[in-house]
Protein backbone atom coordinates (compact mmCIF):
# COMPACT_ATOMS: atom_id res chain seq x y z
CA MET A 1 227.16 74.33 112.33
CA ASN A 2 223.98 72.23 112.32
CA GLU A 3 221.14 72.43 109.79
CA VAL A 4 218.90 74.70 111.89
CA LEU A 5 221.68 77.18 112.65
CA ASN A 6 222.68 77.22 108.98
CA CYS A 7 219.08 78.00 108.03
CA ILE A 8 218.92 80.85 110.55
CA ALA A 9 222.28 82.25 109.44
CA SER A 10 221.52 82.17 105.70
CA ARG A 11 217.90 83.42 105.72
CA TYR A 12 217.34 86.89 104.31
CA SER A 13 214.31 89.11 103.74
CA CYS A 14 213.27 88.44 100.15
CA ARG A 15 211.76 91.40 98.32
CA ASP A 16 211.68 89.95 94.81
CA TYR A 17 209.47 86.98 93.87
CA THR A 18 208.92 85.25 90.54
CA GLY A 19 205.18 84.96 91.20
CA GLU A 20 205.28 81.20 90.57
CA PRO A 21 202.58 79.52 92.72
CA LEU A 22 203.59 77.31 95.62
CA THR A 23 202.82 73.62 95.50
CA LYS A 24 200.22 72.10 97.79
CA GLU A 25 203.06 70.32 99.63
CA GLN A 26 204.89 73.61 100.22
CA VAL A 27 201.74 75.29 101.54
CA THR A 28 201.06 72.32 103.82
CA ALA A 29 204.61 72.50 105.19
CA LEU A 30 204.17 76.22 105.93
CA VAL A 31 200.87 75.56 107.71
CA ASN A 32 202.48 72.83 109.81
CA ALA A 33 205.40 75.11 110.72
CA ALA A 34 202.96 77.84 111.74
CA LEU A 35 200.87 75.53 113.90
CA ALA A 36 203.98 74.04 115.55
CA SER A 37 204.89 77.47 116.94
CA PRO A 38 205.16 77.83 120.69
CA SER A 39 202.97 80.35 122.46
CA ALA A 40 202.56 81.64 126.00
CA MET A 41 200.76 78.96 128.02
CA ASN A 42 200.02 77.25 124.69
CA ARG A 43 197.07 79.60 124.15
CA GLN A 44 197.77 79.86 120.40
CA PRO A 45 196.17 83.31 120.12
CA TRP A 46 196.06 83.22 116.33
CA LYS A 47 194.16 82.17 113.28
CA VAL A 48 196.30 81.51 110.21
CA ILE A 49 194.93 82.48 106.81
CA ILE A 50 196.81 81.25 103.75
CA ILE A 51 196.21 83.56 100.80
CA THR A 52 197.20 82.11 97.43
CA ASP A 53 194.62 84.06 95.42
CA LYS A 54 197.09 86.17 93.43
CA ALA A 55 194.37 88.61 92.36
CA LEU A 56 193.52 89.29 96.02
CA ILE A 57 197.19 89.76 96.92
CA ASP A 58 197.67 92.15 93.97
CA GLU A 59 194.53 94.15 94.84
CA MET A 60 195.65 94.45 98.46
CA ASP A 61 199.08 95.52 97.23
CA ALA A 62 197.61 98.26 95.03
CA ALA A 63 195.35 99.51 97.83
CA ALA A 64 198.24 99.61 100.31
CA MET A 65 200.51 101.41 97.84
CA ASP A 66 197.76 103.96 97.23
CA VAL A 67 197.46 104.65 100.97
CA LEU A 68 201.22 104.75 101.38
CA SER A 69 201.68 107.17 98.46
CA ARG A 70 199.65 109.75 100.37
CA ALA A 71 200.85 109.00 103.89
CA ASP A 72 204.56 108.13 103.92
CA SER A 73 206.65 109.42 101.06
CA ALA A 74 209.91 107.87 102.36
CA ALA A 75 208.46 104.35 102.63
CA PHE A 76 206.60 104.79 99.33
CA GLY A 77 209.82 105.86 97.62
CA ARG A 78 211.76 102.93 99.06
CA ILE A 79 209.16 100.40 97.91
CA ASN A 80 208.82 102.10 94.53
CA SER A 81 212.59 101.79 94.04
CA ARG A 82 212.22 98.03 94.62
CA GLY A 83 209.69 97.58 91.82
CA GLY A 84 206.65 99.44 93.14
CA LYS A 85 204.96 96.48 94.83
CA MET A 86 204.61 96.31 98.59
CA TYR A 87 204.18 92.53 98.43
CA TYR A 88 206.96 92.14 95.84
CA ASN A 89 204.92 89.85 93.54
CA ALA A 90 204.70 87.12 96.20
CA PRO A 91 202.29 84.31 95.28
CA CYS A 92 201.48 83.46 98.89
CA MET A 93 200.73 85.51 101.97
CA VAL A 94 200.48 83.87 105.37
CA MET A 95 198.17 86.24 107.23
CA VAL A 96 198.23 85.88 111.00
CA ALA A 97 195.12 87.11 112.79
CA SER A 98 195.58 87.83 116.50
CA ASP A 99 193.02 87.54 119.26
CA GLY A 100 194.69 90.58 120.86
CA SER A 101 195.36 88.86 124.17
CA LYS A 102 198.23 89.81 126.48
CA PHE A 103 201.08 87.88 124.80
CA ALA A 104 199.57 87.65 121.32
CA ASP A 105 201.98 90.13 119.69
CA CYS A 106 204.97 88.09 120.77
CA ASP A 107 203.30 84.79 119.89
CA CYS A 108 202.32 85.99 116.40
CA GLY A 109 205.92 87.11 115.89
CA ILE A 110 207.18 83.67 116.85
CA LEU A 111 204.73 82.06 114.41
CA SER A 112 205.93 84.40 111.66
CA GLN A 113 209.55 83.47 112.28
CA ASN A 114 208.66 79.76 112.16
CA VAL A 115 207.01 80.28 108.76
CA SER A 116 209.92 82.34 107.47
CA LEU A 117 212.51 79.76 108.52
CA ALA A 118 210.41 76.90 107.15
CA ALA A 119 210.15 78.69 103.81
CA HIS A 120 213.90 79.24 103.70
CA SER A 121 214.57 75.60 104.57
CA MET A 122 212.49 74.62 101.51
CA GLY A 123 214.46 76.90 99.19
CA LEU A 124 211.77 79.59 99.15
CA GLY A 125 212.13 83.27 99.87
CA SER A 126 210.15 85.05 102.55
CA VAL A 127 209.79 88.38 104.27
CA ILE A 128 207.90 89.14 107.46
CA CYS A 129 205.61 92.00 106.48
CA GLY A 130 204.01 94.19 109.12
CA MET A 131 203.04 96.63 106.35
CA ALA A 132 200.41 94.14 105.17
CA ARG A 133 198.25 95.87 107.77
CA ILE A 134 197.98 98.93 105.51
CA ALA A 135 195.71 97.16 103.01
CA LEU A 136 193.39 96.11 105.83
CA GLU A 137 193.10 99.73 106.98
CA SER A 138 192.55 101.07 103.45
CA PRO A 139 189.13 102.12 102.09
CA ARG A 140 188.78 98.55 100.76
CA GLY A 141 189.92 96.96 104.04
CA LYS A 142 186.56 95.47 105.04
CA GLU A 143 186.20 93.93 101.59
CA PHE A 144 189.68 92.34 101.86
CA LEU A 145 188.95 91.02 105.35
CA GLY A 146 185.76 89.42 104.05
CA ARG A 147 187.40 87.90 100.99
CA MET A 148 190.15 86.27 103.05
CA GLY A 149 187.75 85.06 105.73
CA PHE A 150 189.43 87.07 108.48
CA PRO A 151 187.77 86.08 111.77
CA GLU A 152 185.57 88.59 113.61
CA ASP A 153 186.96 89.94 116.87
CA TYR A 154 190.54 89.36 115.66
CA VAL A 155 193.09 91.97 114.65
CA PHE A 156 196.08 91.98 112.35
CA GLY A 157 198.92 90.07 113.99
CA MET A 158 201.52 89.81 111.23
CA ALA A 159 201.96 88.55 107.69
CA VAL A 160 204.67 86.61 105.90
CA LEU A 161 205.14 86.78 102.15
CA VAL A 162 206.45 83.56 100.62
CA GLY A 163 207.46 82.47 97.16
CA LYS A 164 210.26 81.52 94.83
CA ALA A 165 212.88 84.26 95.04
CA GLY A 166 213.49 86.23 91.86
CA SER A 167 217.02 87.00 93.01
CA ALA A 168 219.24 86.08 95.95
CA ARG A 169 220.71 88.30 98.64
CA GLU A 170 223.11 87.85 101.46
CA PRO A 171 221.65 87.94 104.96
CA HIS A 172 222.29 91.07 106.99
CA GLU A 173 225.57 91.29 108.85
CA LEU A 174 225.54 90.43 112.52
CA ASP A 175 226.04 93.46 114.76
CA MET A 176 227.81 92.21 117.87
CA GLY A 177 227.48 95.74 119.29
CA LYS A 178 223.86 94.81 120.06
CA VAL A 179 225.00 92.15 122.54
CA SER A 180 226.21 92.40 126.10
CA PHE A 181 227.06 89.68 128.57
CA ALA A 182 226.28 89.55 132.27
CA GLU A 183 228.82 87.04 133.50
């Protein structure tokens, strides 16, 4: 199996980070992977915001957990059982802002996968985190949007948490029952 296929096959969703900051070179590589993402008609309907301000990430985490504790007891319980942090102590969040255009959801998903695979290829853990939206919809959401420089007229597209993994996991098992062939 080639290097790319090995990376895809061995990547897992990391939910345990050491909190150790990323190097400038690692952040640059993630940015380059994000910007290399394909998009429908090359419209690139995103703005990429790299958040390495650990205080901001932790404040967003606390605000999201507060909202979740009142809104979704099952999800809150699951996250609480994993250490009580929605962002799992990640030192970096790649926030993807979407222009909301027709194919933007798909394109932002592709960008997120590029970032996740790039992180894994560098020996870092990552998890694609749609629940990052919760902090932006919390009572402090406008403050967070301002602090991260979220562009006006854009909406949450997706987020990817990245950092040095605190522990390793096996990737999920492949479910061939999800595949059919039209031959």
